[in-house]
Amino acid sequence: MKTYETSYGPVPVWGEFDRFESYRPLLFVIRGAFPDLDSMTLLYRHLPEFDVALVHLPGMHSPFFSECSVNVFARAFDEVVVALDKRKIFALGLSTGALVALAMRGAESLILVEPPLSTADAWPLIPQFLEWGANNSDVARWIDEIFGYSEQGVVNRDYTGLLENSSPGVVLLGGAPLEPRRPFDRMPSLVTQADRARIAATPHLKAIVLPGVGHNVPFRAPKEFLVILKQALADSAYVASTSRV
């Protein structure tokens, strides 16, 4: 792990840095809200044509920033990818990390998994997030500023505007619908039908729906996820350009 100092705060970055090669493109992985510390750390084994660097969102296994927002996180990560000094940069954003990837400007192509674009509608998260924030003021602030959930109520954080100016890419969506509210054993998708339509109407983004899968696509459909990820990366970059010149 290496820590990069940005204009907004320190950003720890995980990766097999001793294996990095200057000629390989970079896959920059942005994990989501409240993940396991080691989430996705073995992804590099499946992508030998890429160097893989991973970050947690500030405040998630990572220092909190004084300013907490998707756009601030994105600007900090853009500084990190500049420091990593790669000719080609691709971003994989998972859940809340997908929102940050949408806001980044340093990646030429995106692979987005289940971005919760309308947070007030992500009803499966609200009770658990409020419980996690109840005894920690930093966590409570993080949840309120990113998701709009607090003891005072729920305020929608509308991230749909990020779609228009994002880098091109693909969006993986779970086929188990968010609506209607209901008891569940496995978390459904966190993307509303209205937001799916917005994604479908965005010319530079391609939506891919995985039937029978909810929000946690990589865990519930790991084989399908890897196939789609590899294909998306192959479509976005010439693998031949990773060979030495």
C-alpha atoms as a PDB file:
ATOM      1  CA  MET A   1       0.000   0.000   0.000  1.00  0.00           C
ATOM      2  CA  LYS A   2       1.175   3.512  -0.862  1.00  0.00           C
ATOM      3  CA  THR A   3      -0.339   6.784   0.315  1.00  0.00           C
ATOM      4  CA  TYR A   4      -0.641   9.694  -2.111  1.00  0.00           C
ATOM      5  CA  GLU A   5      -1.044  13.209  -0.776  1.00  0.00           C
ATOM      6  CA  THR A   6      -3.724  15.124  -2.685  1.00  0.00           C
ATOM      7  CA  SER A   7      -5.110  18.646  -2.421  1.00  0.00           C
ATOM      8  CA  TYR A   8      -8.011  17.231  -0.403  1.00  0.00           C
ATOM      9  CA  GLY A   9      -6.299  14.729   1.867  1.00  0.00           C
ATOM     10  CA  PRO A  10      -4.256  11.512   1.869  1.00  0.00           C
ATOM     11  CA  VAL A  11      -5.386   8.628  -0.342  1.00  0.00           C
ATOM     12  CA  PRO A  12      -4.062   5.128   0.397  1.00  0.00           C
ATOM     13  CA  VAL A  13      -3.713   3.027  -2.759  1.00  0.00           C
ATOM     14  CA  TRP A  14      -3.412  -0.744  -2.764  1.00  0.00           C
ATOM     15  CA  GLY A  15      -1.740  -2.787  -5.502  1.00  0.00           C
ATOM     16  CA  GLU A  16       1.051  -5.159  -6.412  1.00  0.00           C
ATOM     17  CA  PHE A  17       3.328  -2.197  -7.118  1.00  0.00           C
ATOM     18  CA  ASP A  18       6.480  -4.291  -7.471  1.00  0.00           C
ATOM     19  CA  ARG A  19       4.805  -5.988 -10.459  1.00  0.00           C
ATOM     20  CA  PHE A  20       3.762  -2.772 -12.236  1.00  0.00           C
ATOM     21  CA  GLU A  21       5.183  -2.177 -15.718  1.00  0.00           C
ATOM     22  CA  SER A  22       5.210   1.150 -17.517  1.00  0.00           C
ATOM     23  CA  TYR A  23       3.864  -0.370 -20.749  1.00  0.00           C
ATOM     24  CA  ARG A  24       0.695  -1.815 -19.177  1.00  0.00           C
ATOM     25  CA  PRO A  25      -2.516   0.208 -18.857  1.00  0.00           C
ATOM     26  CA  LEU A  26      -3.962   0.803 -15.408  1.00  0.00           C
ATOM     27  CA  LEU A  27      -7.284  -0.376 -14.030  1.00  0.00           C
ATOM     28  CA  PHE A  28      -8.168   1.976 -11.173  1.00  0.00           C
ATOM     29  CA  VAL A  29     -10.677   0.264  -8.863  1.00  0.00           C
ATOM     30  CA  ILE A  30     -12.904   2.388  -6.623  1.00  0.00           C
ATOM     31  CA  ARG A  31     -14.649   0.365  -3.953  1.00  0.00           C
ATOM     32  CA  GLY A  32     -18.013   1.291  -2.489  1.00  0.00           C
ATOM     33  CA  ALA A  33     -19.518   2.203   0.873  1.00  0.00           C
ATOM     34  CA  PHE A  34     -18.673  -0.002   3.879  1.00  0.00           C
ATOM     35  CA  PRO A  35     -16.798  -2.738   1.966  1.00  0.00           C
ATOM     36  CA  ASP A  36     -14.472  -5.386   3.324  1.00  0.00           C
ATOM     37  CA  LEU A  37     -10.922  -4.095   3.604  1.00  0.00           C
ATOM     38  CA  ASP A  38      -9.584  -6.614   1.082  1.00  0.00           C
ATOM     39  CA  SER A  39     -12.448  -6.379  -1.406  1.00  0.00           C
ATOM     40  CA  MET A  40     -11.283  -6.947  -5.024  1.00  0.00           C
ATOM     41  CA  THR A  41      -7.603  -7.188  -4.052  1.00  0.00           C
ATOM     42  CA  LEU A  42      -7.103 -10.404  -6.066  1.00  0.00           C
ATOM     43  CA  LEU A  43      -8.642  -8.988  -9.228  1.00  0.00           C
ATOM     44  CA  TYR A  44      -5.178  -8.457 -10.746  1.00  0.00           C
ATOM     45  CA  ARG A  45      -4.764 -12.233 -11.077  1.00  0.00           C
ATOM     46  CA  HIS A  46      -7.505 -12.273 -13.713  1.00  0.00           C
ATOM     47  CA  LEU A  47      -6.156  -9.292 -15.672  1.00  0.00           C
ATOM     48  CA  PRO A  48      -2.506  -9.952 -16.567  1.00  0.00           C
ATOM     49  CA  GLU A  49      -2.606  -7.326 -19.337  1.00  0.00           C
ATOM     50  CA  PHE A  50      -3.321  -4.582 -16.767  1.00  0.00           C
ATOM     51  CA  ASP A  51      -1.800  -3.145 -13.654  1.00  0.00           C
ATOM     52  CA  VAL A  52      -4.508  -2.862 -10.984  1.00  0.00           C
ATOM     53  CA  ALA A  53      -4.605  -0.161  -8.300  1.00  0.00           C
ATOM     54  CA  LEU A  54      -7.391  -0.060  -5.721  1.00  0.00           C
ATOM     55  CA  VAL A  55      -8.735   2.678  -3.484  1.00  0.00           C
ATOM     56  CA  HIS A  56     -11.377   2.933  -0.806  1.00  0.00           C
ATOM     57  CA  LEU A  57     -13.563   5.992  -0.632  1.00  0.00           C
ATOM     58  CA  PRO A  58     -12.194   8.548   1.848  1.00  0.00           C
ATOM     59  CA  GLY A  59     -13.597   7.536   5.234  1.00  0.00           C
ATOM     60  CA  MET A  60     -13.871   3.860   4.270  1.00  0.00           C
ATOM     61  CA  HIS A  61     -10.699   2.080   5.518  1.00  0.00           C
ATOM     62  CA  SER A  62      -9.121   5.392   4.546  1.00  0.00           C
ATOM     63  CA  PRO A  63      -8.767   8.815   6.219  1.00  0.00           C
ATOM     64  CA  PHE A  64     -11.810  11.059   6.198  1.00  0.00           C
ATOM     65  CA  PHE A  65     -11.553  14.244   4.168  1.00  0.00           C
ATOM     66  CA  SER A  66     -12.605  17.540   5.727  1.00  0.00           C
ATOM     67  CA  GLU A  67     -14.877  18.026   2.705  1.00  0.00           C
ATOM     68  CA  CYS A  68     -17.052  15.022   1.934  1.00  0.00           C
ATOM     69  CA  SER A  69     -18.610  14.773  -1.517  1.00  0.00           C
ATOM     70  CA  VAL A  70     -18.547  12.626  -4.636  1.00  0.00           C
ATOM     71  CA  ASN A  71     -16.982  15.450  -6.654  1.00  0.00           C
ATOM     72  CA  VAL A  72     -14.229  16.052  -4.106  1.00  0.00           C
ATOM     73  CA  PHE A  73     -13.429  12.346  -3.977  1.00  0.00           C
ATOM     74  CA  ALA A  74     -13.275  12.294  -7.789  1.00  0.00           C
ATOM     75  CA  ARG A  75     -10.906  15.263  -7.936  1.00  0.00           C
ATOM     76  CA  ALA A  76      -8.621  13.624  -5.372  1.00  0.00           C
ATOM     77  CA  PHE A  77      -8.587  10.371  -7.327  1.00  0.00           C
ATOM     78  CA  ASP A  78      -7.843  12.259 -10.534  1.00  0.00           C
ATOM     79  CA  GLU A  79      -4.725  13.589  -8.799  1.00  0.00           C
ATOM     80  CA  VAL A  80      -3.796  10.034  -7.801  1.00  0.00           C
ATOM     81  CA  VAL A  81      -4.068   8.645 -11.335  1.00  0.00           C
ATOM     82  CA  VAL A  82      -1.856  11.492 -12.588  1.00  0.00           C
ATOM     83  CA  ALA A  83       0.726  10.512  -9.962  1.00  0.00           C
ATOM     84  CA  LEU A  84       0.521   6.872 -11.037  1.00  0.00           C
ATOM     85  CA  ASP A  85       1.803   8.062 -14.435  1.00  0.00           C
ATOM     86  CA  LYS A  86       0.107   5.651 -16.833  1.00  0.00           C
ATOM     87  CA  ARG A  87      -0.576   6.263 -20.510  1.00  0.00           C
ATOM     88  CA  LYS A  88      -3.965   4.542 -20.405  1.00  0.00           C
ATOM     89  CA  ILE A  89      -6.284   4.647 -17.396  1.00  0.00           C
ATOM     90  CA  PHE A  90      -9.531   2.735 -16.982  1.00  0.00           C
ATOM     91  CA  ALA A  91     -11.751   3.029 -13.918  1.00  0.00           C
ATOM     92  CA  LEU A  92     -13.869   0.312 -12.330  1.00  0.00           C
ATOM     93  CA  GLY A  93     -16.370   1.834  -9.904  1.00  0.00           C
ATOM     94  CA  LEU A  94     -18.415  -0.308  -7.540  1.00  0.00           C
ATOM     95  CA  SER A  95     -21.692   1.046  -6.140  1.00  0.00           C
ATOM     96  CA  THR A  96     -20.891   4.412  -4.503  1.00  0.00           C
ATOM     97  CA  GLY A  97     -17.477   4.090  -6.113  1.00  0.00           C
ATOM     98  CA  ALA A  98     -19.251   4.095  -9.472  1.00  0.00           C
ATOM     99  CA  LEU A  99     -20.637   7.558  -8.673  1.00  0.00           C
ATOM    100  CA  VAL A 100     -17.101   8.793  -8.063  1.00  0.00           C
ATOM    101  CA  ALA A 101     -15.881   7.167 -11.285  1.00  0.00           C
ATOM    102  CA  LEU A 102     -18.627   9.015 -13.178  1.00  0.00           C
ATOM    103  CA  ALA A 103     -17.293  12.301 -11.799  1.00  0.00           C
ATOM    104  CA  MET A 104     -13.632  11.583 -12.611  1.00  0.00           C
ATOM    105  CA  ARG A 105     -11.924  13.116 -15.607  1.00  0.00           C
ATOM    106  CA  GLY A 106      -8.697  11.131 -15.621  1.00  0.00           C
ATOM    107  CA  ALA A 107     -10.044   7.791 -16.886  1.00  0.00           C
ATOM    108  CA  GLU A 108     -10.649   7.299 -20.586  1.00  0.00           C
ATOM    109  CA  SER A 109     -13.197   4.521 -20.073  1.00  0.00           C
ATOM    110  CA  LEU A 110     -15.435   3.351 -17.210  1.00  0.00           C
ATOM    111  CA  ILE A 111     -16.873   0.087 -15.969  1.00  0.00           C
ATOM    112  CA  LEU A 112     -19.614   0.982 -13.492  1.00  0.00           C
ATOM    113  CA  VAL A 113     -21.413  -1.472 -11.227  1.00  0.00           C
ATOM    114  CA  GLU A 114     -24.801  -0.469  -9.801  1.00  0.00           C
ATOM    115  CA  PRO A 115     -24.373   3.292  -9.244  1.00  0.00           C
ATOM    116  CA  PRO A 116     -27.086   4.428  -6.769  1.00  0.00           C
ATOM    117  CA  LEU A 117     -27.944   7.593  -8.681  1.00  0.00           C
ATOM    118  CA  SER A 118     -30.994   8.560  -6.575  1.00  0.00           C
ATOM    119  CA  THR A 119     -30.138   7.907  -2.955  1.00  0.00           C
ATOM    120  CA  ALA A 120     -33.545   8.567  -1.384  1.00  0.00           C
ATOM    121  CA  ASP A 121     -34.945   5.702  -3.446  1.00  0.00           C
ATOM    122  CA  ALA A 122     -32.275   3.241  -2.244  1.00  0.00           C
ATOM    123  CA  TRP A 123     -34.578   2.125   0.569  1.00  0.00           C
ATOM    124  CA  PRO A 124     -32.709  -1.113   1.483  1.00  0.00           C
ATOM    125  CA  LEU A 125     -29.735   0.960   2.674  1.00  0.00           C
ATOM    126  CA  ILE A 126     -31.451   3.479   4.911  1.00  0.00           C
ATOM    127  CA  PRO A 127     -32.015   1.516   8.189  1.00  0.00           C
ATOM    128  CA  GLN A 128     -28.555  -0.072   8.134  1.00  0.00           C
ATOM    129  CA  PHE A 129     -26.731   3.149   7.301  1.00  0.00           C
ATOM    130  CA  LEU A 130     -28.526   5.054  10.042  1.00  0.00           C
ATOM    131  CA  GLU A 131     -27.582   2.321  12.511  1.00  0.00           C
ATOM    132  CA  TRP A 132     -23.919   2.483  11.471  1.00  0.00           C
ATOM    133  CA  GLY A 133     -23.886   6.259  11.848  1.00  0.00           C
ATOM    134  CA  ALA A 134     -25.648   6.342  15.223  1.00  0.00           C
ATOM    135  CA  ASN A 135     -22.531   6.041  17.373  1.00  0.00           C
ATOM    136  CA  ASN A 136     -19.900   7.684  15.187  1.00  0.00           C
ATOM    137  CA  SER A 137     -20.154  11.329  14.194  1.00  0.00           C
ATOM    138  CA  ASP A 138     -17.666  11.010  11.321  1.00  0.00           C
ATOM    139  CA  VAL A 139     -19.587   8.097   9.829  1.00  0.00           C
ATOM    140  CA  ALA A 140     -22.878   9.931  10.367  1.00  0.00           C
ATOM    141  CA  ARG A 141     -21.536  12.991   8.519  1.00  0.00           C
ATOM    142  CA  TRP A 142     -20.252  10.796   5.698  1.00  0.00           C
ATOM    143  CA  ILE A 143     -23.624   9.086   5.295  1.00  0.00           C
ATOM    144  CA  ASP A 144     -25.521  12.368   5.430  1.00  0.00           C
ATOM    145  CA  GLU A 145     -23.330  14.203   2.947  1.00  0.00           C
ATOM    146  CA  ILE A 146     -23.020  11.354   0.444  1.00  0.00           C
ATOM    147  CA  PHE A 147     -26.454   9.732   0.820  1.00  0.00           C
ATOM    148  CA  GLY A 148     -28.642  12.309   2.577  1.00  0.00           C
ATOM    149  CA  TYR A 149     -29.639   9.985   5.431  1.00  0.00           C
ATOM    150  CA  SER A 150     -29.705  11.401   8.951  1.00  0.00           C
ATOM    151  CA  GLU A 151     -31.773  11.326  12.129  1.00  0.00           C
ATOM    152  CA  GLN A 152     -33.623  14.351  10.741  1.00  0.00           C
ATOM    153  CA  GLY A 153     -34.840  12.391   7.735  1.00  0.00           C
ATOM    154  CA  VAL A 154     -33.895  11.433   4.188  1.00  0.00           C
ATOM    155  CA  VAL A 155     -32.850  13.985   1.562  1.00  0.00           C
ATOM    156  CA  ASN A 156     -32.230  12.801  -1.967  1.00  0.00           C
ATOM    157  CA  ARG A 157     -28.704  13.174  -3.292  1.00  0.00           C
ATOM    158  CA  ASP A 158     -29.396  13.240  -7.022  1.00  0.00           C
ATOM    159  CA  TYR A 159     -26.355  12.053  -8.985  1.00  0.00           C
ATOM    160  CA  THR A 160     -28.103  11.625 -12.341  1.00  0.00           C
ATOM    161  CA  GLY A 161     -26.404  14.785 -13.637  1.00  0.00           C
ATOM    162  CA  LEU A 162     -23.065  12.928 -13.585  1.00  0.00           C
ATOM    163  CA  LEU A 163     -24.172  10.803 -16.538  1.00  0.00           C
ATOM    164  CA  GLU A 164     -24.070  13.539 -19.153  1.00  0.00           C
ATOM    165  CA  ASN A 165     -20.391  14.481 -18.928  1.00  0.00           C
ATOM    166  CA  SER A 166     -18.841  11.190 -17.852  1.00  0.00           C
ATOM    167  CA  SER A 167     -16.228   9.236 -19.742  1.00  0.00           C
ATOM    168  CA  PRO A 168     -17.669   6.477 -21.960  1.00  0.00           C
ATOM    169  CA  GLY A 169     -18.150   2.971 -20.658  1.00  0.00           C
ATOM    170  CA  VAL A 170     -20.502   0.226 -19.560  1.00  0.00           C
ATOM    171  CA  VAL A 171     -22.895   0.072 -16.609  1.00  0.00           C
ATOM    172  CA  LEU A 172     -23.651  -3.286 -14.995  1.00  0.00           C
ATOM    173  CA  LEU A 173     -27.082  -3.460 -13.395  1.00  0.00           C
ATOM    174  CA  GLY A 174     -28.665  -6.163 -11.286  1.00  0.00           C
ATOM    175  CA  GLY A 175     -31.825  -7.641 -12.747  1.00  0.00           C
ATOM    176  CA  ALA A 176     -33.570  -7.998  -9.362  1.00  0.00           C
ATOM    177  CA  PRO A 177     -35.565  -4.733  -9.363  1.00  0.00           C
ATOM    178  CA  LEU A 178     -35.449  -2.102  -6.644  1.00  0.00           C
ATOM    179  CA  GLU A 179     -39.169  -1.445  -6.799  1.00  0.00           C
ATOM    180  CA  PRO A 180     -41.446  -2.130  -5.001  1.00  0.00           C
ATOM    181  CA  ARG A 181     -40.384  -2.053  -1.347  1.00  0.00           C
ATOM    182  CA  ARG A 182     -40.563  -5.556   0.073  1.00  0.00           C
ATOM    183  CA  PRO A 183     -38.830  -7.950   2.470  1.00  0.00           C
ATOM    184  CA  PHE A 184     -35.644  -9.391   0.977  1.00  0.00           C
ATOM    185  CA  ASP A 185     -33.009 -11.996   1.740  1.00  0.00           C
ATOM    186  CA  ARG A 186     -30.550 -10.692  -0.850  1.00  0.00           C
ATOM    187  CA  MET A 187     -30.260  -7.005  -1.572  1.00  0.00           C
ATOM    188  CA  PRO A 188     -31.967  -6.046  -4.841  1.00  0.00           C
ATOM    189  CA  SER A 189     -30.607  -3.562  -7.339  1.00  0.00           C
ATOM    190  CA  LEU A 190     -30.232  -0.022  -6.007  1.00  0.00           C
ATOM    191  CA  VAL A 191     -30.906   1.594  -9.391  1.00  0.00           C
ATOM    192  CA  THR A 192     -34.464   2.753 -10.021  1.00  0.00           C
ATOM    193  CA  GLN A 193     -36.341   2.060 -13.221  1.00  0.00           C
ATOM    194  CA  ALA A 194     -36.275   5.793 -13.984  1.00  0.00           C
ATOM    195  CA  ASP A 195     -32.502   5.894 -13.581  1.00  0.00           C
ATOM    196  CA  ARG A 196     -32.109   2.802 -15.759  1.00  0.00           C
ATOM    197  CA  ALA A 197     -33.955   4.695 -18.459  1.00  0.00           C
ATOM    198  CA  ARG A 198     -31.611   7.657 -17.984  1.00  0.00           C
ATOM    199  CA  ILE A 199     -28.585   5.399 -18.345  1.00  0.00           C
ATOM    200  CA  ALA A 200     -30.059   3.774 -21.461  1.00  0.00           C
ATOM    201  CA  ALA A 201     -30.623   7.235 -22.942  1.00  0.00           C
ATOM    202  CA  THR A 202     -26.978   8.254 -22.384  1.00  0.00           C
ATOM    203  CA  PRO A 203     -25.260   7.618 -25.738  1.00  0.00           C
ATOM    204  CA  HIS A 204     -21.750   7.034 -24.394  1.00  0.00           C
ATOM    205  CA  LEU A 205     -22.842   4.490 -21.757  1.00  0.00           C
ATOM    206  CA  LYS A 206     -23.948   0.931 -22.440  1.00  0.00           C
ATOM    207  CA  ALA A 207     -26.201  -0.742 -19.864  1.00  0.00           C
ATOM    208  CA  ILE A 208     -25.871  -4.492 -19.252  1.00  0.00           C
ATOM    209  CA  VAL A 209     -28.461  -6.178 -17.022  1.00  0.00           C
ATOM    210  CA  LEU A 210     -27.645  -9.420 -15.203  1.00  0.00           C
ATOM    211  CA  PRO A 211     -30.899 -11.348 -14.639  1.00  0.00           C
ATOM    212  CA  GLY A 212     -31.589 -12.622 -11.154  1.00  0.00           C
ATOM    213  CA  VAL A 213     -28.758 -10.628  -9.578  1.00  0.00           C
ATOM    214  CA  GLY A 214     -29.173  -7.776  -7.115  1.00  0.00           C
ATOM    215  CA  HIS A 215     -26.810  -4.992  -6.092  1.00  0.00           C
ATOM    216  CA  ASN A 216     -23.672  -7.007  -5.330  1.00  0.00           C
ATOM    217  CA  VAL A 217     -22.912  -8.089  -8.884  1.00  0.00           C
ATOM    218  CA  PRO A 218     -19.260  -9.201  -8.457  1.00  0.00           C
ATOM    219  CA  PHE A 219     -20.136 -11.408  -5.470  1.00  0.00           C
ATOM    220  CA  ARG A 220     -23.387 -12.881  -6.779  1.00  0.00           C
ATOM    221  CA  ALA A 221     -22.276 -13.346 -10.396  1.00  0.00           C
ATOM    222  CA  PRO A 222     -18.459 -13.471 -10.318  1.00  0.00           C
ATOM    223  CA  LYS A 223     -17.989 -15.369 -13.595  1.00  0.00           C
ATOM    224  CA  GLU A 224     -20.352 -13.136 -15.521  1.00  0.00           C
ATOM    225  CA  PHE A 225     -18.785 -10.060 -13.956  1.00  0.00           C
ATOM    226  CA  LEU A 226     -15.285 -11.075 -15.040  1.00  0.00           C
ATOM    227  CA  VAL A 227     -16.416 -11.887 -18.580  1.00  0.00           C
ATOM    228  CA  ILE A 228     -18.107  -8.498 -18.950  1.00  0.00           C
ATOM    229  CA  LEU A 229     -15.181  -6.672 -17.347  1.00  0.00           C
ATOM    230  CA  LYS A 230     -12.626  -8.306 -19.640  1.00  0.00           C
ATOM    231  CA  GLN A 231     -14.751  -7.656 -22.717  1.00  0.00           C
ATOM    232  CA  ALA A 232     -15.299  -4.024 -21.751  1.00  0.00           C
ATOM    233  CA  LEU A 233     -11.579  -3.510 -21.265  1.00  0.00           C
ATOM    234  CA  ALA A 234     -10.797  -5.248 -24.560  1.00  0.00           C
ATOM    235  CA  ASP A 235     -13.319  -3.072 -26.375  1.00  0.00           C
ATOM    236  CA  SER A 236     -11.827   0.080 -24.850  1.00  0.00           C
ATOM    237  CA  ALA A 237      -8.138  -0.566 -25.428  1.00  0.00           C
ATOM    238  CA  TYR A 238      -5.882  -2.313 -27.892  1.00  0.00           C
ATOM    239  CA  VAL A 239      -4.228  -5.065 -25.914  1.00  0.00           C
ATOM    240  CA  ALA A 240      -1.433  -4.944 -28.429  1.00  0.00           C
ATOM    241  CA  SER A 241      -0.529  -1.509 -27.099  1.00  0.00           C
ATOM    242  CA  THR A 242       0.475  -3.152 -23.807  1.00  0.00           C
ATOM    243  CA  SER A 243       3.381  -4.924 -25.459  1.00  0.00           C
ATOM    244  CA  ARG A 244       6.836  -3.381 -25.174  1.00  0.00           C
ATOM    245  CA  VAL A 245       7.835  -0.877 -27.846  1.00  0.00           C
END
